[in-house]
Amino acid sequence: MAQEPFLMYSAMMSTQRRLVWLYATSDGDKEQEASTYINRLTQQFDLKAQHFLALPTPELTELDQFVGSPASTLAHLVMVNRLP
């Protein structure tokens, strides 16, 4: 537990281009809040939260937010393909 801030710092400093923080905003029944760690980062660097769609829609042209690992990108493509 005492090494947790160091581990987070190491993870943040290992990026080469950008750092993306993701967290669920709902567990289906109730709204969830960001962790205290994320809240401190947003306050320290005066950042604004950005909200994204959970799934792409067929007419969406900006798809950067849905591109990740090969497995997650393929999963998004399969889900969109199944939409009526």
PDB file of N, CA and C in Angstrom:
ATOM      1  N   MET A   1       0.821  -1.185   0.000  1.00  0.00           N
ATOM      2  CA  MET A   1       0.000   0.000   0.000  1.00  0.00           C
ATOM      3  C   MET A   1       0.871   1.257   0.000  1.00  0.00           C
ATOM      4  N   ALA A   2       1.983   1.212   0.714  1.00  0.00           N
ATOM      5  CA  ALA A   2       2.849   2.387   0.790  1.00  0.00           C
ATOM      6  C   ALA A   2       3.537   2.664  -0.536  1.00  0.00           C
ATOM      7  N   GLN A   3       3.705   1.635  -1.361  1.00  0.00           N
ATOM      8  CA  GLN A   3       4.377   1.817  -2.647  1.00  0.00           C
ATOM      9  C   GLN A   3       3.415   2.204  -3.766  1.00  0.00           C
ATOM     10  N   GLU A   4       2.127   2.273  -3.480  1.00  0.00           N
ATOM     11  CA  GLU A   4       1.140   2.553  -4.520  1.00  0.00           C
ATOM     12  C   GLU A   4       1.397   3.865  -5.264  1.00  0.00           C
ATOM     13  N   PRO A   5       1.676   4.993  -4.576  1.00  0.00           N
ATOM     14  CA  PRO A   5       1.974   6.223  -5.329  1.00  0.00           C
ATOM     15  C   PRO A   5       3.190   6.078  -6.240  1.00  0.00           C
ATOM     16  N   PHE A   6       4.210   5.349  -5.797  1.00  0.00           N
ATOM     17  CA  PHE A   6       5.392   5.143  -6.632  1.00  0.00           C
ATOM     18  C   PHE A   6       5.052   4.319  -7.867  1.00  0.00           C
ATOM     19  N   LEU A   7       4.226   3.290  -7.700  1.00  0.00           N
ATOM     20  CA  LEU A   7       3.818   2.464  -8.837  1.00  0.00           C
ATOM     21  C   LEU A   7       3.021   3.283  -9.848  1.00  0.00           C
ATOM     22  N   MET A   8       2.145   4.138  -9.363  1.00  0.00           N
ATOM     23  CA  MET A   8       1.367   4.994 -10.268  1.00  0.00           C
ATOM     24  C   MET A   8       2.287   5.969 -10.996  1.00  0.00           C
ATOM     25  N   TYR A   9       3.229   6.551 -10.281  1.00  0.00           N
ATOM     26  CA  TYR A   9       4.185   7.473 -10.899  1.00  0.00           C
ATOM     27  C   TYR A   9       4.990   6.751 -11.977  1.00  0.00           C
ATOM     28  N   SER A  10       5.463   5.551 -11.678  1.00  0.00           N
ATOM     29  CA  SER A  10       6.235   4.777 -12.655  1.00  0.00           C
ATOM     30  C   SER A  10       5.403   4.469 -13.895  1.00  0.00           C
ATOM     31  N   ALA A  11       4.153   4.113 -13.699  1.00  0.00           N
ATOM     32  CA  ALA A  11       3.275   3.810 -14.833  1.00  0.00           C
ATOM     33  C   ALA A  11       3.036   5.053 -15.684  1.00  0.00           C
ATOM     34  N   MET A  12       2.845   6.197 -15.049  1.00  0.00           N
ATOM     35  CA  MET A  12       2.594   7.434 -15.802  1.00  0.00           C
ATOM     36  C   MET A  12       3.832   7.893 -16.558  1.00  0.00           C
ATOM     37  N   MET A  13       4.999   7.661 -16.017  1.00  0.00           N
ATOM     38  CA  MET A  13       6.221   8.127 -16.661  1.00  0.00           C
ATOM     39  C   MET A  13       6.710   7.181 -17.755  1.00  0.00           C
ATOM     40  N   SER A  14       6.108   6.018 -17.887  1.00  0.00           N
ATOM     41  CA  SER A  14       6.561   5.069 -18.901  1.00  0.00           C
ATOM     42  C   SER A  14       5.896   5.284 -20.261  1.00  0.00           C
ATOM     43  N   THR A  15       4.964   6.206 -20.344  1.00  0.00           N
ATOM     44  CA  THR A  15       4.282   6.466 -21.613  1.00  0.00           C
ATOM     45  C   THR A  15       5.181   7.242 -22.567  1.00  0.00           C
ATOM     46  N   GLN A  16       4.946   7.075 -23.856  1.00  0.00           N
ATOM     47  CA  GLN A  16       5.743   7.785 -24.853  1.00  0.00           C
ATOM     48  C   GLN A  16       4.965   8.904 -25.530  1.00  0.00           C
ATOM     49  N   ARG A  17       3.642   8.764 -25.653  1.00  0.00           N
ATOM     50  CA  ARG A  17       2.874   9.776 -26.372  1.00  0.00           C
ATOM     51  C   ARG A  17       1.823  10.456 -25.514  1.00  0.00           C
ATOM     52  N   ARG A  18       0.980   9.679 -24.880  1.00  0.00           N
ATOM     53  CA  ARG A  18      -0.089  10.258 -24.079  1.00  0.00           C
ATOM     54  C   ARG A  18      -0.521   9.274 -23.009  1.00  0.00           C
ATOM     55  N   LEU A  19      -1.213   9.802 -22.041  1.00  0.00           N
ATOM     56  CA  LEU A  19      -1.696   8.993 -20.934  1.00  0.00           C
ATOM     57  C   LEU A  19      -3.212   9.106 -20.900  1.00  0.00           C
ATOM     58  N   VAL A  20      -3.890   7.992 -20.901  1.00  0.00           N
ATOM     59  CA  VAL A  20      -5.349   7.976 -20.895  1.00  0.00           C
ATOM     60  C   VAL A  20      -5.813   7.260 -19.636  1.00  0.00           C
ATOM     61  N   TRP A  21      -6.652   7.942 -18.858  1.00  0.00           N
ATOM     62  CA  TRP A  21      -7.240   7.357 -17.658  1.00  0.00           C
ATOM     63  C   TRP A  21      -8.679   6.993 -17.981  1.00  0.00           C
ATOM     64  N   LEU A  22      -9.057   5.771 -17.718  1.00  0.00           N
ATOM     65  CA  LEU A  22     -10.419   5.322 -17.947  1.00  0.00           C
ATOM     66  C   LEU A  22     -10.993   4.773 -16.653  1.00  0.00           C
ATOM     67  N   TYR A  23     -12.280   5.024 -16.464  1.00  0.00           N
ATOM     68  CA  TYR A  23     -12.972   4.396 -15.349  1.00  0.00           C
ATOM     69  C   TYR A  23     -14.456   4.348 -15.674  1.00  0.00           C
ATOM     70  N   ALA A  24     -15.129   3.350 -15.132  1.00  0.00           N
ATOM     71  CA  ALA A  24     -16.563   3.203 -15.363  1.00  0.00           C
ATOM     72  C   ALA A  24     -17.310   4.294 -14.611  1.00  0.00           C
ATOM     73  N   THR A  25     -18.310   4.874 -15.247  1.00  0.00           N
ATOM     74  CA  THR A  25     -19.109   5.906 -14.585  1.00  0.00           C
ATOM     75  C   THR A  25     -20.402   5.335 -14.030  1.00  0.00           C
ATOM     76  N   SER A  26     -20.662   4.070 -14.317  1.00  0.00           N
ATOM     77  CA  SER A  26     -21.865   3.419 -13.815  1.00  0.00           C
ATOM     78  C   SER A  26     -21.613   1.924 -13.713  1.00  0.00           C
ATOM     79  N   ASP A  27     -22.219   1.319 -12.712  1.00  0.00           N
ATOM     80  CA  ASP A  27     -22.129  -0.140 -12.614  1.00  0.00           C
ATOM     81  C   ASP A  27     -23.455  -0.783 -13.007  1.00  0.00           C
ATOM     82  N   GLY A  28     -24.293  -0.004 -13.682  1.00  0.00           N
ATOM     83  CA  GLY A  28     -25.596  -0.487 -14.115  1.00  0.00           C
ATOM     84  C   GLY A  28     -26.716  -0.015 -13.224  1.00  0.00           C
ATOM     85  N   ASP A  29     -26.489   0.025 -11.925  1.00  0.00           N
ATOM     86  CA  ASP A  29     -27.527   0.441 -10.991  1.00  0.00           C
ATOM     87  C   ASP A  29     -27.319   1.856 -10.467  1.00  0.00           C
ATOM     88  N   LYS A  30     -26.083   2.203 -10.215  1.00  0.00           N
ATOM     89  CA  LYS A  30     -25.820   3.517  -9.626  1.00  0.00           C
ATOM     90  C   LYS A  30     -24.597   4.153 -10.274  1.00  0.00           C
ATOM     91  N   GLU A  31     -24.520   5.456 -10.136  1.00  0.00           N
ATOM     92  CA  GLU A  31     -23.402   6.204 -10.704  1.00  0.00           C
ATOM     93  C   GLU A  31     -22.161   6.029  -9.834  1.00  0.00           C
ATOM     94  N   GLN A  32     -21.017   5.903 -10.481  1.00  0.00           N
ATOM     95  CA  GLN A  32     -19.758   5.790  -9.758  1.00  0.00           C
ATOM     96  C   GLN A  32     -18.955   7.063  -9.948  1.00  0.00           C
ATOM     97  N   GLU A  33     -18.073   7.341  -9.012  1.00  0.00           N
ATOM     98  CA  GLU A  33     -17.231   8.525  -9.092  1.00  0.00           C
ATOM     99  C   GLU A  33     -15.784   8.118  -9.345  1.00  0.00           C
ATOM    100  N   ALA A  34     -15.016   9.077  -9.836  1.00  0.00           N
ATOM    101  CA  ALA A  34     -13.592   8.843 -10.071  1.00  0.00           C
ATOM    102  C   ALA A  34     -12.888   8.627  -8.734  1.00  0.00           C
ATOM    103  N   SER A  35     -11.773   7.939  -8.776  1.00  0.00           N
ATOM    104  CA  SER A  35     -11.002   7.707  -7.557  1.00  0.00           C
ATOM    105  C   SER A  35     -10.406   9.023  -7.068  1.00  0.00           C
ATOM    106  N   THR A  36      -9.991   9.045  -5.822  1.00  0.00           N
ATOM    107  CA  THR A  36      -9.370  10.255  -5.277  1.00  0.00           C
ATOM    108  C   THR A  36      -8.084  10.577  -6.026  1.00  0.00           C
ATOM    109  N   TYR A  37      -7.402   9.553  -6.534  1.00  0.00           N
ATOM    110  CA  TYR A  37      -6.169   9.771  -7.295  1.00  0.00           C
ATOM    111  C   TYR A  37      -6.462  10.550  -8.572  1.00  0.00           C
ATOM    112  N   ILE A  38      -7.492  10.160  -9.292  1.00  0.00           N
ATOM    113  CA  ILE A  38      -7.869  10.870 -10.516  1.00  0.00           C
ATOM    114  C   ILE A  38      -8.332  12.281 -10.181  1.00  0.00           C
ATOM    115  N   ASN A  39      -9.089  12.441  -9.116  1.00  0.00           N
ATOM    116  CA  ASN A  39      -9.535  13.783  -8.714  1.00  0.00           C
ATOM    117  C   ASN A  39      -8.352  14.695  -8.401  1.00  0.00           C
ATOM    118  N   ARG A  40      -7.343  14.167  -7.724  1.00  0.00           N
ATOM    119  CA  ARG A  40      -6.162  14.989  -7.414  1.00  0.00           C
ATOM    120  C   ARG A  40      -5.413  15.386  -8.675  1.00  0.00           C
ATOM    121  N   LEU A  41      -5.278  14.466  -9.629  1.00  0.00           N
ATOM    122  CA  LEU A  41      -4.597  14.788 -10.890  1.00  0.00           C
ATOM    123  C   LEU A  41      -5.345  15.860 -11.677  1.00  0.00           C
ATOM    124  N   THR A  42      -6.661  15.740 -11.756  1.00  0.00           N
ATOM    125  CA  THR A  42      -7.427  16.733 -12.515  1.00  0.00           C
ATOM    126  C   THR A  42      -7.361  18.105 -11.855  1.00  0.00           C
ATOM    127  N   GLN A  43      -7.345  18.158 -10.539  1.00  0.00           N
ATOM    128  CA  GLN A  43      -7.222  19.441  -9.848  1.00  0.00           C
ATOM    129  C   GLN A  43      -5.821  20.020 -10.006  1.00  0.00           C
ATOM    130  N   GLN A  44      -4.808  19.195  -9.854  1.00  0.00           N
ATOM    131  CA  GLN A  44      -3.422  19.658  -9.934  1.00  0.00           C
ATOM    132  C   GLN A  44      -3.097  20.243 -11.304  1.00  0.00           C
ATOM    133  N   PHE A  45      -3.573  19.603 -12.363  1.00  0.00           N
ATOM    134  CA  PHE A  45      -3.231  20.031 -13.716  1.00  0.00           C
ATOM    135  C   PHE A  45      -4.374  20.760 -14.416  1.00  0.00           C
ATOM    136  N   ASP A  46      -5.416  21.102 -13.669  1.00  0.00           N
ATOM    137  CA  ASP A  46      -6.566  21.844 -14.193  1.00  0.00           C
ATOM    138  C   ASP A  46      -7.118  21.174 -15.459  1.00  0.00           C
ATOM    139  N   LEU A  47      -7.391  19.882 -15.351  1.00  0.00           N
ATOM    140  CA  LEU A  47      -7.898  19.103 -16.477  1.00  0.00           C
ATOM    141  C   LEU A  47      -9.413  19.001 -16.405  1.00  0.00           C
ATOM    142  N   LYS A  48     -10.032  18.859 -17.545  1.00  0.00           N
ATOM    143  CA  LYS A  48     -11.477  18.673 -17.626  1.00  0.00           C
ATOM    144  C   LYS A  48     -11.756  17.234 -18.058  1.00  0.00           C
ATOM    145  N   ALA A  49     -12.758  16.636 -17.469  1.00  0.00           N
ATOM    146  CA  ALA A  49     -13.134  15.271 -17.843  1.00  0.00           C
ATOM    147  C   ALA A  49     -13.736  15.269 -19.238  1.00  0.00           C
ATOM    148  N   GLN A  50     -13.412  14.261 -19.994  1.00  0.00           N
ATOM    149  CA  GLN A  50     -13.984  14.074 -21.323  1.00  0.00           C
ATOM    150  C   GLN A  50     -14.829  12.811 -21.290  1.00  0.00           C
ATOM    151  N   HIS A  51     -16.040  12.908 -21.792  1.00  0.00           N
ATOM    152  CA  HIS A  51     -16.948  11.767 -21.794  1.00  0.00           C
ATOM    153  C   HIS A  51     -17.027  11.188 -23.202  1.00  0.00           C
ATOM    154  N   PHE A  52     -16.998   9.882 -23.285  1.00  0.00           N
ATOM    155  CA  PHE A  52     -17.022   9.184 -24.564  1.00  0.00           C
ATOM    156  C   PHE A  52     -18.149   8.168 -24.580  1.00  0.00           C
ATOM    157  N   LEU A  53     -18.577   7.816 -25.772  1.00  0.00           N
ATOM    158  CA  LEU A  53     -19.588   6.779 -25.937  1.00  0.00           C
ATOM    159  C   LEU A  53     -19.003   5.422 -25.562  1.00  0.00           C
ATOM    160  N   ALA A  54     -19.842   4.544 -25.054  1.00  0.00           N
ATOM    161  CA  ALA A  54     -19.380   3.199 -24.720  1.00  0.00           C
ATOM    162  C   ALA A  54     -19.171   2.359 -25.972  1.00  0.00           C
ATOM    163  N   LEU A  55     -20.018   2.570 -26.970  1.00  0.00           N
ATOM    164  CA  LEU A  55     -19.927   1.821 -28.221  1.00  0.00           C
ATOM    165  C   LEU A  55     -20.019   2.772 -29.405  1.00  0.00           C
ATOM    166  N   PRO A  56     -19.316   2.477 -30.482  1.00  0.00           N
ATOM    167  CA  PRO A  56     -19.438   3.315 -31.675  1.00  0.00           C
ATOM    168  C   PRO A  56     -20.778   3.089 -32.367  1.00  0.00           C
ATOM    169  N   THR A  57     -21.246   4.119 -33.051  1.00  0.00           N
ATOM    170  CA  THR A  57     -22.452   3.990 -33.863  1.00  0.00           C
ATOM    171  C   THR A  57     -22.028   3.869 -35.318  1.00  0.00           C
ATOM    172  N   PRO A  58     -22.841   3.242 -36.166  1.00  0.00           N
ATOM    173  CA  PRO A  58     -22.443   3.052 -37.570  1.00  0.00           C
ATOM    174  C   PRO A  58     -22.148   4.350 -38.314  1.00  0.00           C
ATOM    175  N   GLU A  59     -22.818   5.449 -37.950  1.00  0.00           N
ATOM    176  CA  GLU A  59     -22.606   6.699 -38.682  1.00  0.00           C
ATOM    177  C   GLU A  59     -21.465   7.556 -38.125  1.00  0.00           C
ATOM    178  N   LEU A  60     -20.828   7.124 -37.064  1.00  0.00           N
ATOM    179  CA  LEU A  60     -19.731   7.876 -36.452  1.00  0.00           C
ATOM    180  C   LEU A  60     -18.497   7.855 -37.352  1.00  0.00           C
ATOM    181  N   THR A  61     -17.862   9.022 -37.550  1.00  0.00           N
ATOM    182  CA  THR A  61     -16.675   9.087 -38.411  1.00  0.00           C
ATOM    183  C   THR A  61     -15.380   9.176 -37.614  1.00  0.00           C
ATOM    184  N   GLU A  62     -15.402   9.742 -36.416  1.00  0.00           N
ATOM    185  CA  GLU A  62     -14.215   9.814 -35.561  1.00  0.00           C
ATOM    186  C   GLU A  62     -14.179   8.578 -34.671  1.00  0.00           C
ATOM    187  N   LEU A  63     -13.291   7.668 -34.974  1.00  0.00           N
ATOM    188  CA  LEU A  63     -13.260   6.393 -34.259  1.00  0.00           C
ATOM    189  C   LEU A  63     -12.041   6.209 -33.370  1.00  0.00           C
ATOM    190  N   ASP A  64     -11.227   7.244 -33.211  1.00  0.00           N
ATOM    191  CA  ASP A  64     -10.003   7.129 -32.408  1.00  0.00           C
ATOM    192  C   ASP A  64     -10.264   6.618 -30.997  1.00  0.00           C
ATOM    193  N   GLN A  65     -11.379   7.044 -30.406  1.00  0.00           N
ATOM    194  CA  GLN A  65     -11.652   6.662 -29.022  1.00  0.00           C
ATOM    195  C   GLN A  65     -11.964   5.175 -28.867  1.00  0.00           C
ATOM    196  N   PHE A  66     -12.240   4.490 -29.963  1.00  0.00           N
ATOM    197  CA  PHE A  66     -12.567   3.072 -29.904  1.00  0.00           C
ATOM    198  C   PHE A  66     -11.414   2.177 -30.335  1.00  0.00           C
ATOM    199  N   VAL A  67     -10.294   2.766 -30.695  1.00  0.00           N
ATOM    200  CA  VAL A  67      -9.133   1.993 -31.125  1.00  0.00           C
ATOM    201  C   VAL A  67      -8.220   1.787 -29.926  1.00  0.00           C
ATOM    202  N   GLY A  68      -7.948   0.552 -29.627  1.00  0.00           N
ATOM    203  CA  GLY A  68      -7.081   0.219 -28.497  1.00  0.00           C
ATOM    204  C   GLY A  68      -6.233  -0.975 -28.858  1.00  0.00           C
ATOM    205  N   SER A  69      -6.273  -1.953 -28.007  1.00  0.00           N
ATOM    206  CA  SER A  69      -5.554  -3.189 -28.317  1.00  0.00           C
ATOM    207  C   SER A  69      -6.260  -3.876 -29.483  1.00  0.00           C
ATOM    208  N   PRO A  70      -5.571  -4.765 -30.185  1.00  0.00           N
ATOM    209  CA  PRO A  70      -6.237  -5.476 -31.284  1.00  0.00           C
ATOM    210  C   PRO A  70      -7.523  -6.182 -30.833  1.00  0.00           C
ATOM    211  N   ALA A  71      -7.511  -6.769 -29.657  1.00  0.00           N
ATOM    212  CA  ALA A  71      -8.692  -7.493 -29.172  1.00  0.00           C
ATOM    213  C   ALA A  71      -9.860  -6.552 -28.894  1.00  0.00           C
ATOM    214  N   SER A  72      -9.599  -5.416 -28.241  1.00  0.00           N
ATOM    215  CA  SER A  72     -10.694  -4.495 -27.926  1.00  0.00           C
ATOM    216  C   SER A  72     -11.228  -3.819 -29.180  1.00  0.00           C
ATOM    217  N   THR A  73     -10.353  -3.506 -30.133  1.00  0.00           N
ATOM    218  CA  THR A  73     -10.793  -2.898 -31.388  1.00  0.00           C
ATOM    219  C   THR A  73     -11.670  -3.876 -32.166  1.00  0.00           C
ATOM    220  N   LEU A  74     -11.273  -5.125 -32.228  1.00  0.00           N
ATOM    221  CA  LEU A  74     -12.072  -6.138 -32.913  1.00  0.00           C
ATOM    222  C   LEU A  74     -13.423  -6.313 -32.227  1.00  0.00           C
ATOM    223  N   ALA A  75     -13.446  -6.283 -30.907  1.00  0.00           N
ATOM    224  CA  ALA A  75     -14.706  -6.414 -30.169  1.00  0.00           C
ATOM    225  C   ALA A  75     -15.658  -5.281 -30.520  1.00  0.00           C
ATOM    226  N   HIS A  76     -15.143  -4.046 -30.622  1.00  0.00           N
ATOM    227  CA  HIS A  76     -15.989  -2.919 -31.017  1.00  0.00           C
ATOM    228  C   HIS A  76     -16.525  -3.101 -32.429  1.00  0.00           C
ATOM    229  N   LEU A  77     -15.695  -3.557 -33.346  1.00  0.00           N
ATOM    230  CA  LEU A  77     -16.139  -3.778 -34.725  1.00  0.00           C
ATOM    231  C   LEU A  77     -17.231  -4.841 -34.796  1.00  0.00           C
ATOM    232  N   VAL A  78     -17.079  -5.903 -34.037  1.00  0.00           N
ATOM    233  CA  VAL A  78     -18.087  -6.962 -34.022  1.00  0.00           C
ATOM    234  C   VAL A  78     -19.403  -6.426 -33.477  1.00  0.00           C
ATOM    235  N   MET A  79     -19.360  -5.632 -32.409  1.00  0.00           N
ATOM    236  CA  MET A  79     -20.581  -5.082 -31.822  1.00  0.00           C
ATOM    237  C   MET A  79     -21.304  -4.166 -32.799  1.00  0.00           C
ATOM    238  N   VAL A  80     -20.570  -3.314 -33.491  1.00  0.00           N
ATOM    239  CA  VAL A  80     -21.190  -2.404 -34.457  1.00  0.00           C
ATOM    240  C   VAL A  80     -21.779  -3.195 -35.616  1.00  0.00           C
ATOM    241  N   ASN A  81     -21.102  -4.236 -36.038  1.00  0.00           N
ATOM    242  CA  ASN A  81     -21.595  -5.060 -37.141  1.00  0.00           C
ATOM    243  C   ASN A  81     -22.910  -5.743 -36.785  1.00  0.00           C
ATOM    244  N   ARG A  82     -23.138  -6.013 -35.506  1.00  0.00           N
ATOM    245  CA  ARG A  82     -24.368  -6.682 -35.062  1.00  0.00           C
ATOM    246  C   ARG A  82     -25.543  -5.724 -34.925  1.00  0.00           C
ATOM    247  N   LEU A  83     -25.306  -4.416 -34.946  1.00  0.00           N
ATOM    248  CA  LEU A  83     -26.394  -3.451 -34.807  1.00  0.00           C
ATOM    249  C   LEU A  83     -27.310  -3.527 -36.023  1.00  0.00           C
ATOM    250  N   PRO A  84     -28.616  -3.340 -35.817  1.00  0.00           N
ATOM    251  CA  PRO A  84     -29.555  -3.413 -36.954  1.00  0.00           C
ATOM    252  C   PRO A  84     -29.354  -2.293 -37.948  1.00  0.00           C
TER     253      PRO A  84
END
